[in-house]
Amino acid sequence: MPMRVVVGAGIAGASVAYHASRLGADTVLVDRDTPGQATSAGAGIVCPWSSKVADPTWQRLADAAAEYYPTLVADLGTDTGYRQVGALRLVRSDAEQQEVLDRCAGSPGEVSVLSGESARDLFPPLRGDLAAVHISGGARVDGRRLRAALREAAVRQGAKVLSGTARLIAAGSRITGVDVDGSRIDADTVVVAAGAWSPAVLDPIGVRIAVAPQRGQIVHLGLSGVDTSWWPVVLPPSSHYLLAFDDQRVVVGATRETGAGFDHRVTAAGQAEVLREALSVAPGLADATVLETRIGFRPAGPDILPLLGAVPGWDGLVVANGLGASGLTLGPHVGRLAAAVALHEDPGVDLSPFDPLRH
């Protein structure tokens, strides 16, 4: 079978390599391991049903992505940090509560209204005066562990992983392979899934995609001696969030800094914003230890929809990008769809709304 090359080994690229190799394709995954990769910093919330996004196309894609997670995790057979711990969407009024209930009507599991005190029983640091809608199907995942599991599974299936900078090789309007630090790899199809760095991969051949880095700063807090393993995801009325993992760790975030470029720094304003927002809804975290602050550059596209599919006017070129702040929700499913396209198979989804060249 002809070679498929995947450029970028974040969650989307690792998923492409996993699914392509699982379908029997000879696959090479190329990555530079650049600081600021979004997957390494992502929170890992999987709960699109309560999203405020109004686009039905995005909602269908996100719902399918969330529903795919249990199957994927079972197939991988290793600890990815994935767990259906439920989610709490905090509300400030009866009107907000009804809006959330309406949005969550199609979510799996149970959806119920909790008082502030009942919500705090599930996530003890919360203040007790904000009611919540509890979505039992909400989940979280450790992006770093999931990416590693996808890569390791791809390797077991015969894929190769290379570290280096990939340059596309073109013959007319056809991509014939990549050059990785001076070594040529011929390929039937190349999938560019390099996140915020994808424009730098595509620009040399004259392909322009509307993706730019959006810096996100996310703080990890430690609660010594506290069992946080089953605490639910918390979604306040703002765009910020809180979620917990098994190692007495609570993750709070995140900034959405458009125009920051690839400036890989923790800033005073960013740290202050994240902690202020977190403590405003969970004052019980005030005494937590600040363990680290992670920086990630989200690949922000021209709108809420990903850039996904074969590139018009080019043979052998597929793009999987523009996931923005939904990378860990959408990434595994988007990678599965991109792998199908790369293998000239029917992805089972109309990809026309995701035209990778739209601006």
Protein backbone atom coordinates (compact mmCIF):
# COMPACT_ATOMS: atom_id res chain seq x y z
CA MET A 1 0.00 0.00 0.00
CA PRO A 2 1.35 3.52 -0.81
CA MET A 3 2.87 5.60 1.97
CA ARG A 4 0.94 8.15 4.02
CA VAL A 5 2.89 10.86 5.83
CA VAL A 6 1.40 12.85 8.70
CA VAL A 7 3.06 16.16 9.57
CA GLY A 8 2.38 17.08 13.19
CA ALA A 9 1.99 14.74 16.13
CA GLY A 10 -0.46 16.58 18.33
CA ILE A 11 -3.78 14.96 19.12
CA ALA A 12 -5.12 15.28 15.56
CA GLY A 13 -1.92 14.11 13.86
CA ALA A 14 -1.40 11.22 16.26
CA SER A 15 -4.99 10.17 15.63
CA VAL A 16 -4.48 10.28 11.85
CA ALA A 17 -1.40 8.05 12.19
CA TYR A 18 -3.22 5.64 14.50
CA HIS A 19 -6.27 5.29 12.27
CA ALA A 20 -4.33 5.17 9.00
CA SER A 21 -2.01 2.45 10.29
CA ARG A 22 -4.96 0.57 11.75
CA LEU A 23 -6.49 0.53 8.29
CA GLY A 24 -3.30 -1.06 6.98
CA ALA A 25 -1.53 1.94 5.48
CA ASP A 26 2.23 2.36 5.64
CA THR A 27 2.41 5.48 7.79
CA VAL A 28 5.09 7.92 8.88
CA LEU A 29 4.41 10.50 11.60
CA VAL A 30 6.73 13.53 11.61
CA ASP A 31 6.97 16.04 14.45
CA ARG A 32 9.35 18.76 15.67
CA ASP A 33 8.33 18.67 19.35
CA THR A 34 8.09 22.46 19.43
CA PRO A 35 7.33 24.13 22.80
CA GLY A 36 3.76 25.34 23.04
CA GLN A 37 1.99 22.47 21.31
CA ALA A 38 -1.70 22.80 22.15
CA THR A 39 -2.16 19.13 23.05
CA SER A 40 0.50 19.30 25.76
CA ALA A 41 -1.26 22.21 27.46
CA GLY A 42 -4.90 21.36 26.79
CA ALA A 43 -7.26 20.87 29.71
CA GLY A 44 -9.01 17.77 28.36
CA ILE A 45 -12.72 18.55 28.73
CA VAL A 46 -15.06 16.29 26.76
CA CYS A 47 -18.53 17.76 27.21
CA PRO A 48 -19.78 19.48 24.06
CA TRP A 49 -23.46 19.11 24.90
CA SER A 50 -23.53 22.16 27.15
CA SER A 51 -21.50 24.32 24.76
CA LYS A 52 -22.71 27.82 23.94
CA VAL A 53 -21.74 27.31 20.28
CA ALA A 54 -24.78 27.89 18.09
CA ASP A 55 -23.48 26.24 14.91
CA PRO A 56 -25.37 22.94 14.34
CA THR A 57 -22.62 21.57 12.06
CA TRP A 58 -20.03 22.00 14.82
CA GLN A 59 -22.44 20.48 17.34
CA ARG A 60 -22.97 17.35 15.25
CA LEU A 61 -19.23 16.94 14.78
CA ALA A 62 -18.51 17.53 18.48
CA ASP A 63 -21.26 15.17 19.62
CA ALA A 64 -19.90 12.42 17.37
CA ALA A 65 -16.39 13.11 18.66
CA ALA A 66 -17.46 12.82 22.30
CA GLU A 67 -19.46 9.67 21.62
CA TYR A 68 -16.42 8.08 19.95
CA TYR A 69 -14.23 8.44 23.04
CA PRO A 70 -15.32 5.32 24.98
CA THR A 71 -14.74 3.13 21.91
CA LEU A 72 -11.34 4.67 21.21
CA VAL A 73 -10.16 4.38 24.81
CA ALA A 74 -11.28 0.75 24.97
CA ASP A 75 -9.44 -0.02 21.72
CA LEU A 76 -6.25 1.63 22.97
CA GLY A 77 -6.39 -0.42 26.16
CA THR A 78 -4.20 1.88 28.24
CA ASP A 79 -4.64 4.65 30.79
CA THR A 80 -5.34 7.92 28.99
CA GLY A 81 -6.78 9.72 31.97
CA TYR A 82 -10.20 9.46 30.33
CA ARG A 83 -13.08 9.17 32.76
CA GLN A 84 -16.76 10.07 32.66
CA VAL A 85 -16.80 12.11 35.85
CA GLY A 86 -19.75 14.26 34.81
CA ALA A 87 -19.82 18.02 34.39
CA LEU A 88 -21.35 20.94 36.27
CA ARG A 89 -22.51 23.90 34.19
CA LEU A 90 -22.88 26.70 36.76
CA VAL A 91 -25.84 29.03 36.25
CA ARG A 92 -26.76 32.40 37.71
CA SER A 93 -30.46 32.57 36.86
CA ASP A 94 -33.48 30.50 35.97
CA ALA A 95 -33.14 31.69 32.37
CA GLU A 96 -29.52 30.47 32.15
CA GLN A 97 -30.56 27.19 33.73
CA GLN A 98 -33.27 26.62 31.14
CA GLU A 99 -30.90 27.48 28.29
CA VAL A 100 -28.44 24.85 29.51
CA LEU A 101 -31.17 22.26 29.95
CA ASP A 102 -32.37 22.91 26.40
CA ARG A 103 -28.84 22.57 24.99
CA CYS A 104 -28.21 19.34 26.90
CA ALA A 105 -31.43 17.65 25.80
CA GLY A 106 -29.53 15.26 23.52
CA SER A 107 -26.64 14.44 25.82
CA PRO A 108 -26.01 10.87 27.00
CA GLY A 109 -26.78 9.89 30.57
CA GLU A 110 -28.78 12.01 32.96
CA VAL A 111 -29.16 15.77 33.12
CA SER A 112 -30.36 17.26 36.40
CA VAL A 113 -30.47 20.53 38.29
CA LEU A 114 -28.47 20.81 41.51
CA SER A 115 -28.51 23.42 44.23
CA GLY A 116 -25.28 25.20 45.05
CA GLU A 117 -24.76 23.01 48.10
CA SER A 118 -25.34 19.82 46.12
CA ALA A 119 -22.89 21.00 43.46
CA ARG A 120 -20.33 21.65 46.17
CA ASP A 121 -20.79 18.11 47.45
CA LEU A 122 -19.40 16.95 44.09
CA PHE A 123 -16.67 19.62 43.77
CA PRO A 124 -15.93 20.76 47.36
CA PRO A 125 -13.94 23.97 46.61
CA LEU A 126 -16.98 25.57 44.92
CA ARG A 127 -18.87 28.42 46.50
CA GLY A 128 -22.27 27.27 47.65
CA ASP A 129 -24.57 29.86 46.12
CA LEU A 130 -24.44 28.94 42.41
CA ALA A 131 -26.84 26.34 41.13
CA ALA A 132 -25.66 23.95 38.46
CA VAL A 133 -26.89 21.68 35.72
CA HIS A 134 -25.25 18.30 36.14
CA ILE A 135 -24.43 16.43 32.91
CA SER A 136 -23.53 12.87 33.86
CA GLY A 137 -22.01 12.06 30.45
CA GLY A 138 -19.35 14.75 30.74
CA ALA A 139 -15.78 13.49 30.79
CA ARG A 140 -12.14 14.51 30.94
CA VAL A 141 -8.96 13.14 29.39
CA ASP A 142 -5.24 13.70 29.80
CA GLY A 143 -4.11 15.02 26.42
CA ARG A 144 -0.48 14.04 26.88
CA ARG A 145 -1.36 10.47 27.81
CA LEU A 146 -3.87 10.14 25.00
CA ARG A 147 -1.42 11.42 22.41
CA ALA A 148 1.25 9.02 23.67
CA ALA A 149 -1.21 6.12 23.58
CA LEU A 150 -2.19 6.91 19.98
CA ARG A 151 1.43 7.15 18.89
CA GLU A 152 2.42 3.93 20.64
CA ALA A 153 -0.53 2.08 19.14
CA ALA A 154 0.34 3.42 15.69
CA VAL A 155 3.90 2.15 16.08
CA ARG A 156 2.63 -1.28 17.12
CA GLN A 157 0.58 -1.25 13.93
CA GLY A 158 3.69 -0.58 11.86
CA ALA A 159 3.88 3.20 11.74
CA LYS A 160 7.20 5.02 12.01
CA VAL A 161 7.73 8.20 14.03
CA LEU A 162 10.39 10.70 12.94
CA SER A 163 11.60 13.83 14.71
CA GLY A 164 12.45 16.73 12.45
CA THR A 165 11.20 19.54 10.25
CA ALA A 166 9.11 18.44 7.28
CA ARG A 167 9.09 20.29 3.96
CA LEU A 168 6.47 19.41 1.37
CA ILE A 169 7.70 18.18 -2.01
CA ALA A 170 5.50 19.07 -4.96
CA ALA A 171 5.46 18.20 -8.65
CA GLY A 172 3.09 20.64 -10.27
CA SER A 173 -0.15 20.46 -8.34
CA ARG A 174 0.64 17.11 -6.77
CA ILE A 175 2.33 16.46 -3.44
CA THR A 176 4.79 13.62 -3.89
CA GLY A 177 6.26 13.43 -0.39
CA VAL A 178 8.18 15.32 2.25
CA ASP A 179 11.76 16.20 3.00
CA VAL A 180 12.64 15.70 6.67
CA ASP A 181 15.91 17.43 7.48
CA GLY A 182 17.42 16.35 4.16
CA SER A 183 15.87 12.88 3.92
CA ARG A 184 13.17 12.36 1.29
CA ILE A 185 10.06 10.30 2.01
CA ASP A 186 7.86 9.56 -0.99
CA ALA A 187 4.16 9.51 -0.20
CA ASP A 188 0.85 8.98 -1.91
CA THR A 189 -0.78 11.43 0.50
CA VAL A 190 0.51 13.92 3.07
CA VAL A 191 -1.74 15.04 5.92
CA VAL A 192 -0.76 18.40 7.41
CA ALA A 193 -1.89 18.43 11.03
CA ALA A 194 0.78 20.70 12.47
CA GLY A 195 -1.59 22.90 14.44
CA ALA A 196 -0.68 26.56 14.63
CA TRP A 197 2.52 25.84 12.69
CA SER A 198 0.68 24.47 9.64
CA PRO A 199 0.81 27.76 7.67
CA ALA A 200 4.62 27.55 7.77
CA VAL A 201 4.40 24.04 6.28
CA LEU A 202 1.95 25.03 3.54
CA ASP A 203 3.11 28.55 2.62
CA PRO A 204 6.18 27.39 0.61
CA ILE A 205 3.90 25.66 -1.95
CA GLY A 206 1.52 28.62 -2.12
CA VAL A 207 -1.30 27.14 -0.03
CA ARG A 208 -2.71 29.65 2.43
CA ILE A 209 -4.87 28.52 5.32
CA ALA A 210 -6.55 30.86 7.80
CA VAL A 211 -4.95 29.51 10.97
CA ALA A 212 -3.21 31.62 13.61
CA PRO A 213 -1.87 30.85 17.09
CA GLN A 214 -4.03 31.76 20.05
CA ARG A 215 -2.05 31.61 23.28
CA GLY A 216 -3.63 29.84 26.22
CA GLN A 217 -2.22 29.90 29.75
CA ILE A 218 -3.51 27.16 32.05
CA VAL A 219 -2.62 26.67 35.72
CA HIS A 220 -2.24 23.34 37.50
CA LEU A 221 -2.93 23.32 41.24
CA GLY A 222 -2.14 20.67 43.83
CA LEU A 223 -4.37 19.69 46.76
CA SER A 224 -2.28 17.53 49.05
CA GLY A 225 -4.12 14.66 50.67
CA VAL A 226 -7.37 15.25 48.78
CA ASP A 227 -8.95 12.60 46.57
CA THR A 228 -9.87 14.52 43.42
CA SER A 229 -10.23 11.50 41.12
CA TRP A 230 -14.01 11.71 40.70
CA TRP A 231 -14.55 15.45 40.87
CA PRO A 232 -16.60 16.62 37.88
CA VAL A 233 -15.61 19.15 35.26
CA VAL A 234 -16.82 22.63 36.25
CA LEU A 235 -17.98 25.05 33.55
CA PRO A 236 -18.69 28.54 34.92
CA PRO A 237 -20.76 31.11 33.01
CA SER A 238 -17.51 32.56 31.63
CA SER A 239 -15.23 30.82 29.11
CA HIS A 240 -13.02 29.54 31.94
CA TYR A 241 -13.18 26.07 33.51
CA LEU A 242 -11.96 23.79 36.28
CA LEU A 243 -11.35 20.05 36.21
CA ALA A 244 -9.55 17.52 38.36
CA PHE A 245 -7.39 14.46 37.81
CA ASP A 246 -6.41 11.44 39.88
CA ASP A 247 -3.14 12.86 41.25
CA GLN A 248 -4.68 15.46 43.59
CA ARG A 249 -4.44 17.95 40.75
CA VAL A 250 -6.94 20.60 39.70
CA VAL A 251 -6.52 22.32 36.35
CA VAL A 252 -7.90 25.85 35.92
CA GLY A 253 -7.90 27.99 32.84
CA ALA A 254 -7.54 29.39 30.44
CA THR A 255 -6.66 32.60 28.68
CA ARG A 256 -7.58 33.12 25.03
CA GLU A 257 -4.95 35.51 23.74
CA THR A 258 -5.32 36.31 20.07
CA GLY A 259 -2.40 38.22 18.59
CA ALA A 260 0.23 36.94 21.04
CA GLY A 261 2.00 35.03 18.27
CA PHE A 262 4.32 32.26 19.44
CA ASP A 263 5.42 34.11 22.57
CA HIS A 264 5.95 31.15 24.92
CA ARG A 265 5.83 32.97 28.27
CA VAL A 266 3.76 32.88 31.41
CA THR A 267 2.62 36.46 31.87
CA ALA A 268 1.57 38.24 35.04
CA ALA A 269 -1.74 39.26 33.49
CA GLY A 270 -2.45 35.75 32.19
CA GLN A 271 -1.69 34.11 35.53
CA ALA A 272 -3.77 36.69 37.37
CA GLU A 273 -6.74 36.23 35.02
CA VAL A 274 -6.78 32.46 35.36
CA LEU A 275 -6.49 32.45 39.15
CA ARG A 276 -8.99 35.28 39.60
CA GLU A 277 -11.61 33.50 37.50
CA ALA A 278 -11.01 30.19 39.26
CA LEU A 279 -11.20 31.58 42.78
CA SER A 280 -14.32 33.59 41.97
CA VAL A 281 -16.28 30.32 41.64
CA ALA A 282 -14.10 27.99 43.74
CA PRO A 283 -12.73 29.97 46.69
CA GLY A 284 -11.81 26.69 48.35
CA LEU A 285 -8.80 26.50 46.02
CA ALA A 286 -7.17 29.55 47.61
CA ASP A 287 -4.72 27.44 49.63
CA ALA A 288 -3.83 25.06 46.77
CA THR A 289 -0.24 24.80 45.61
CA VAL A 290 0.56 26.30 42.23
CA LEU A 291 2.35 23.38 40.54
CA GLU A 292 2.91 24.75 37.05
CA THR A 293 1.51 26.93 34.30
CA ARG A 294 1.37 25.45 30.81
CA ILE A 295 1.39 27.43 27.59
CA GLY A 296 -0.31 26.19 24.43
CA PHE A 297 -0.87 27.80 21.04
CA ARG A 298 -4.33 26.82 19.84
CA PRO A 299 -4.70 26.66 16.06
CA ALA A 300 -7.50 29.19 15.65
CA GLY A 301 -9.30 29.08 12.32
CA PRO A 302 -11.57 31.61 10.60
CA ASP A 303 -14.65 30.37 12.48
CA ILE A 304 -15.72 27.65 14.91
CA LEU A 305 -15.48 24.80 12.36
CA PRO A 306 -12.23 22.88 11.78
CA LEU A 307 -10.30 23.02 8.51
CA LEU A 308 -10.58 19.44 7.37
CA GLY A 309 -10.31 17.49 4.15
CA ALA A 310 -8.52 17.26 0.82
CA VAL A 311 -7.09 20.59 -0.36
CA PRO A 312 -8.88 21.78 -3.52
CA GLY A 313 -6.57 22.00 -6.51
CA TRP A 314 -3.98 19.66 -5.05
CA ASP A 315 -3.55 15.92 -5.32
CA GLY A 316 -2.20 14.08 -2.32
CA LEU A 317 -2.69 16.87 0.21
CA VAL A 318 -5.05 16.72 3.21
CA VAL A 319 -5.41 19.22 6.05
CA ALA A 320 -6.63 18.52 9.61
CA ASN A 321 -6.47 21.77 11.53
CA GLY A 322 -8.22 24.76 13.07
CA LEU A 323 -9.63 22.94 16.10
CA GLY A 324 -9.12 25.98 18.33
CA ALA A 325 -10.10 25.48 21.95
CA SER A 326 -11.87 22.17 21.15
CA GLY A 327 -8.76 20.21 20.19
CA LEU A 328 -9.00 17.46 22.78
CA THR A 329 -12.73 17.05 22.20
CA LEU A 330 -12.56 16.95 18.41
CA GLY A 331 -9.02 15.73 17.73
CA PRO A 332 -9.40 11.93 17.84
CA HIS A 333 -12.53 11.97 15.67
CA VAL A 334 -11.13 14.55 13.25
CA GLY A 335 -8.01 12.41 12.90
CA ARG A 336 -10.16 9.41 12.09
CA LEU A 337 -11.98 11.36 9.36
CA ALA A 338 -8.73 12.72 7.91
CA ALA A 339 -7.24 9.20 7.82
CA ALA A 340 -10.21 8.01 5.79
CA VAL A 341 -9.74 10.86 3.32
CA ALA A 342 -6.02 10.13 3.07
CA LEU A 343 -6.79 6.50 2.22
CA HIS A 344 -9.38 7.55 -0.39
CA GLU A 345 -12.18 6.06 1.69
CA ASP A 346 -15.59 7.54 2.45
CA PRO A 347 -15.37 9.31 5.83
CA GLY A 348 -19.12 8.93 6.24
CA VAL A 349 -19.49 12.67 6.88
CA ASP A 350 -20.09 15.56 4.49
CA LEU A 351 -16.82 17.50 4.79
CA SER A 352 -17.81 20.39 2.52
CA PRO A 353 -18.52 22.75 5.47
CA PHE A 354 -14.92 22.20 6.62
CA ASP A 355 -13.22 23.40 3.39
CA PRO A 356 -9.56 23.84 4.45
CA LEU A 357 -9.08 26.86 2.15
CA ARG A 358 -11.99 28.95 3.41
CA HIS A 359 -11.13 32.33 4.89
